[in-house]
Amino acid sequence: MSREILRYQQVSKQYKLGETVIHALSKVSFSVMKGEFSAIVGPSGSGKSTLLHLGAGLDRPTSGSVFLNGQEIQNIKEKDMAIIRNQMVGFIFQTFNLIPVLTIKENVEYPCLLYSATKHNRYRVTELLELVGLADQMNKRPNMLSGGQRQRVAIARALVNNPSIVFADEPTANLDHATGESIMALLLQLNVELGTTFIFSTHDPRIMDKARRIIRVEDGRLLADTAHLDMSGQTV
């Protein structure tokens, strides 16, 4: 059985801005294996977020193919793709994207209420809030929490339906350094304990230290794809 969970095959993406064509990605190819903890790195505008959005089926490539768990997702109808995202994909946004009128518990539980998810998943809400250290905050609303706490809520929400892969788009961009380090340590812990595949974007070199694989992009092109080595030359 293949361990490949995600594959970009000669993927290009273009956007039109008036009469101008923006080349966000140009013929990018790489695969992600199950259980990886990988970072797509590069400067702002390099194509990092576009790769995550395409991998999660939130956008479609202009050319090339994206395969998620063996399915070529750009040909899947949006209604069906929404169900696939709900059942096997988690997404952590840099702006948290929590629903302000819902409590923390309700925000985490919300994906369970879509597409007839089983009640079994709903029982994970308290377990996940305990895992991210917010069980005592579950009845509060997002505006009562710090930025780091809200990002922890977003992590719990992304994991509630037991996704096979989680995409994290600049998950520390709006956090101070210490909180960002804490969030990345938590993601790495979840990767080890739950076996969930994580692929995230960042341009912060301090955050890259937590990744086991670095996929470097610039101007929409793949520049390098390497295992991350520590000071002794060992893969971390």
Protein backbone atom coordinates (compact mmCIF):
# COMPACT_ATOMS: atom_id res chain seq x y z
CA MET A 1 0.00 0.00 0.00
CA SER A 2 1.36 3.41 -0.97
CA ARG A 3 2.37 5.77 1.82
CA GLU A 4 1.86 8.77 -0.46
CA ILE A 5 -0.95 11.03 0.74
CA LEU A 6 -0.45 14.13 -1.42
CA ARG A 7 1.15 14.72 -4.81
CA TYR A 8 1.62 17.83 -6.92
CA GLN A 9 2.35 16.91 -10.54
CA GLN A 10 3.60 19.73 -12.79
CA VAL A 11 1.21 22.13 -11.06
CA SER A 12 0.87 25.69 -12.34
CA LYS A 13 -1.51 28.36 -11.09
CA GLN A 14 -2.31 31.69 -12.67
CA TYR A 15 -4.55 34.51 -11.49
CA LYS A 16 -5.86 37.42 -13.53
CA LEU A 17 -5.62 40.87 -11.99
CA GLY A 18 -7.29 43.13 -14.54
CA GLU A 19 -5.20 42.75 -17.68
CA THR A 20 -2.25 41.34 -15.71
CA VAL A 21 -1.64 37.60 -15.33
CA ILE A 22 -0.04 36.61 -12.02
CA HIS A 23 1.97 33.38 -12.21
CA ALA A 24 1.60 32.07 -8.65
CA LEU A 25 3.06 28.62 -9.40
CA SER A 26 4.99 27.20 -12.33
CA LYS A 27 5.26 23.43 -12.92
CA VAL A 28 5.77 22.40 -9.29
CA SER A 29 6.10 18.68 -8.52
CA PHE A 30 6.61 16.90 -5.20
CA SER A 31 4.92 14.30 -3.00
CA VAL A 32 4.10 14.13 0.71
CA MET A 33 4.14 10.83 2.58
CA LYS A 34 1.83 9.82 5.44
CA GLY A 35 3.09 10.98 8.83
CA GLU A 36 5.34 13.74 7.48
CA PHE A 37 5.89 17.02 9.31
CA SER A 38 6.99 19.29 6.50
CA ALA A 39 7.36 23.01 5.92
CA ILE A 40 6.96 24.93 2.66
CA VAL A 41 9.21 27.94 3.08
CA GLY A 42 9.94 31.05 1.09
CA PRO A 43 9.37 34.81 1.05
CA SER A 44 5.94 36.43 0.89
CA GLY A 45 4.37 35.90 -2.53
CA SER A 46 6.47 32.82 -3.30
CA GLY A 47 3.47 30.50 -3.72
CA LYS A 48 3.39 28.84 -0.28
CA SER A 49 -0.26 29.53 0.52
CA THR A 50 -1.31 28.69 -3.04
CA LEU A 51 0.24 25.23 -2.67
CA LEU A 52 -1.66 24.61 0.55
CA HIS A 53 -4.96 25.82 -0.89
CA LEU A 54 -4.52 23.58 -3.94
CA GLY A 55 -3.56 20.58 -1.81
CA ALA A 56 -6.65 21.00 0.36
CA GLY A 57 -8.92 21.39 -2.65
CA LEU A 58 -9.78 24.99 -1.75
CA ASP A 59 -8.59 26.06 -5.20
CA ARG A 60 -7.92 24.36 -8.53
CA PRO A 61 -4.70 24.44 -10.60
CA THR A 62 -4.56 26.15 -13.97
CA SER A 63 -2.63 23.14 -15.29
CA GLY A 64 -1.10 19.98 -13.88
CA SER A 65 -2.65 17.65 -11.33
CA VAL A 66 -3.08 17.43 -7.56
CA PHE A 67 -3.68 14.01 -6.01
CA LEU A 68 -5.02 13.65 -2.45
CA ASN A 69 -4.96 10.11 -1.12
CA GLY A 70 -4.74 8.86 -4.69
CA GLN A 71 -7.65 10.93 -6.06
CA GLU A 72 -7.10 13.61 -8.70
CA ILE A 73 -9.01 16.25 -6.81
CA GLN A 74 -9.37 19.02 -9.40
CA ASN A 75 -11.92 16.92 -11.29
CA ILE A 76 -14.07 16.28 -8.22
CA LYS A 77 -17.30 18.30 -7.95
CA GLU A 78 -17.17 21.01 -5.29
CA LYS A 79 -19.99 19.43 -3.26
CA ASP A 80 -18.12 16.13 -3.13
CA MET A 81 -14.83 17.91 -2.44
CA ALA A 82 -16.38 19.65 0.55
CA ILE A 83 -17.27 16.26 2.02
CA ILE A 84 -13.73 14.97 1.40
CA ARG A 85 -12.26 18.04 3.11
CA ASN A 86 -14.56 17.56 6.08
CA GLN A 87 -13.64 13.91 6.48
CA MET A 88 -9.91 13.79 5.78
CA VAL A 89 -8.46 17.33 5.70
CA GLY A 90 -7.79 19.83 8.45
CA PHE A 91 -6.84 23.46 7.74
CA ILE A 92 -5.30 25.93 10.21
CA PHE A 93 -5.49 29.55 9.06
CA GLN A 94 -3.13 32.28 10.20
CA THR A 95 -6.15 34.47 11.08
CA PHE A 96 -7.77 31.63 13.11
CA ASN A 97 -11.19 31.94 11.31
CA LEU A 98 -13.18 31.14 14.45
CA ILE A 99 -16.91 31.91 14.57
CA PRO A 100 -17.23 34.76 17.09
CA VAL A 101 -20.79 34.02 18.24
CA LEU A 102 -19.96 30.40 19.14
CA THR A 103 -18.20 29.19 22.26
CA ILE A 104 -14.80 27.54 22.03
CA LYS A 105 -16.43 24.13 22.41
CA GLU A 106 -18.97 24.91 19.70
CA ASN A 107 -16.24 26.15 17.33
CA VAL A 108 -14.33 22.89 17.70
CA GLU A 109 -17.49 20.79 17.40
CA TYR A 110 -18.80 22.61 14.31
CA PRO A 111 -17.10 20.38 11.68
CA CYS A 112 -18.72 17.36 13.35
CA LEU A 113 -22.16 18.76 12.58
CA LEU A 114 -21.55 18.87 8.84
CA TYR A 115 -22.22 16.04 6.37
CA SER A 116 -23.71 13.68 8.98
CA ALA A 117 -20.50 13.15 10.93
CA THR A 118 -20.89 10.53 13.61
CA LYS A 119 -21.57 11.35 17.24
CA HIS A 120 -18.35 9.53 18.10
CA ASN A 121 -16.35 12.46 16.68
CA ARG A 122 -18.20 14.93 18.89
CA TYR A 123 -16.82 13.20 21.96
CA ARG A 124 -13.35 14.20 20.77
CA VAL A 125 -14.06 17.87 21.44
CA THR A 126 -13.33 17.76 25.16
CA GLU A 127 -10.41 15.40 24.61
CA LEU A 128 -8.83 17.75 22.04
CA LEU A 129 -9.41 20.86 24.16
CA GLU A 130 -7.63 19.08 26.98
CA LEU A 131 -4.82 18.16 24.60
CA VAL A 132 -4.30 21.81 23.57
CA GLY A 133 -4.62 23.01 27.17
CA LEU A 134 -8.00 24.78 26.91
CA ALA A 135 -10.49 22.44 28.58
CA ASP A 136 -11.18 25.08 31.24
CA GLN A 137 -11.95 27.70 28.57
CA MET A 138 -14.47 25.75 26.47
CA ASN A 139 -17.49 27.90 27.38
CA LYS A 140 -15.80 31.19 26.52
CA ARG A 141 -16.06 32.93 23.16
CA PRO A 142 -13.03 33.61 20.93
CA ASN A 143 -12.77 37.33 21.78
CA MET A 144 -12.10 36.37 25.41
CA LEU A 145 -8.92 34.46 24.48
CA SER A 146 -5.40 35.50 23.53
CA GLY A 147 -4.07 35.01 20.00
CA GLY A 148 -2.14 31.91 21.05
CA GLN A 149 -5.20 30.42 22.72
CA ARG A 150 -7.34 31.08 19.64
CA GLN A 151 -4.77 29.35 17.47
CA ARG A 152 -4.93 26.35 19.81
CA VAL A 153 -8.71 26.30 19.33
CA ALA A 154 -8.16 26.34 15.56
CA ILE A 155 -5.78 23.38 15.91
CA ALA A 156 -8.34 21.41 17.91
CA ARG A 157 -11.02 22.21 15.31
CA ALA A 158 -8.73 21.05 12.49
CA LEU A 159 -8.22 17.70 14.23
CA VAL A 160 -11.75 16.97 15.42
CA ASN A 161 -12.74 14.70 12.50
CA ASN A 162 -9.50 12.69 12.61
CA PRO A 163 -8.07 14.11 9.36
CA SER A 164 -5.36 12.25 7.49
CA ILE A 165 -3.58 15.52 6.68
CA VAL A 166 -3.54 18.99 8.18
CA PHE A 167 -2.52 22.11 6.24
CA ALA A 168 -1.32 25.00 8.39
CA ASP A 169 -0.97 28.33 6.57
CA GLU A 170 1.51 30.57 8.43
CA PRO A 171 0.14 29.31 11.78
CA THR A 172 2.46 31.55 13.81
CA ALA A 173 2.30 34.73 11.69
CA ASN A 174 0.10 36.64 14.14
CA LEU A 175 1.78 35.34 17.29
CA ASP A 176 4.77 36.53 19.30
CA HIS A 177 7.92 34.43 19.14
CA ALA A 178 7.42 32.51 22.40
CA THR A 179 3.78 31.68 21.59
CA GLY A 180 4.75 30.68 18.05
CA GLU A 181 7.38 28.29 19.38
CA SER A 182 4.78 26.79 21.72
CA ILE A 183 2.28 26.29 18.89
CA MET A 184 4.85 24.57 16.66
CA ALA A 185 5.92 22.31 19.53
CA LEU A 186 2.26 21.37 19.99
CA LEU A 187 1.85 20.54 16.29
CA LEU A 188 4.97 18.36 16.41
CA GLN A 189 3.62 16.59 19.51
CA LEU A 190 0.33 15.89 17.74
CA ASN A 191 2.21 14.60 14.70
CA VAL A 192 4.14 12.14 16.86
CA GLU A 193 1.24 11.05 19.09
CA LEU A 194 -1.55 10.89 16.51
CA GLY A 195 0.45 10.15 13.36
CA THR A 196 -1.30 13.00 11.55
CA THR A 197 0.47 14.37 8.47
CA PHE A 198 1.26 18.09 8.75
CA ILE A 199 2.33 20.39 5.95
CA PHE A 200 2.62 24.05 6.82
CA SER A 201 3.93 27.26 5.33
CA THR A 202 6.25 29.77 6.93
CA HIS A 203 8.89 32.36 6.12
CA ASP A 204 10.13 32.48 9.73
CA PRO A 205 13.53 30.70 10.01
CA ARG A 206 12.98 30.13 13.75
CA ILE A 207 9.88 28.06 12.98
CA MET A 208 11.60 26.05 10.26
CA ASP A 209 13.73 24.41 12.94
CA LYS A 210 10.75 22.32 14.01
CA ALA A 211 10.16 20.79 10.55
CA ARG A 212 11.61 17.45 9.48
CA ARG A 213 11.52 18.40 5.79
CA ILE A 214 11.99 21.75 4.08
CA ILE A 215 10.35 22.42 0.70
CA ARG A 216 11.67 25.75 -0.53
CA VAL A 217 9.80 27.81 -3.13
CA GLU A 218 10.45 31.18 -4.67
CA ASP A 219 8.62 33.05 -7.43
CA GLY A 220 6.26 30.09 -7.78
CA ARG A 221 9.01 27.56 -8.47
CA LEU A 222 10.39 24.68 -6.42
CA LEU A 223 13.99 25.53 -5.49
CA ALA A 224 14.91 22.77 -3.04
CA ASP A 225 13.41 19.79 -1.21
CA THR A 226 15.54 18.46 1.64
CA ALA A 227 15.37 16.64 4.94
CA HIS A 228 16.07 19.02 7.80
CA LEU A 229 19.32 18.19 9.59
CA ASP A 230 20.30 19.22 13.09
CA MET A 231 23.81 20.40 14.05
CA SER A 232 25.09 16.81 14.29
CA GLY A 233 23.87 16.01 10.78
CA GLN A 234 20.98 13.86 11.99
CA THR A 235 17.52 14.13 10.47
CA VAL A 236 15.17 15.74 12.96
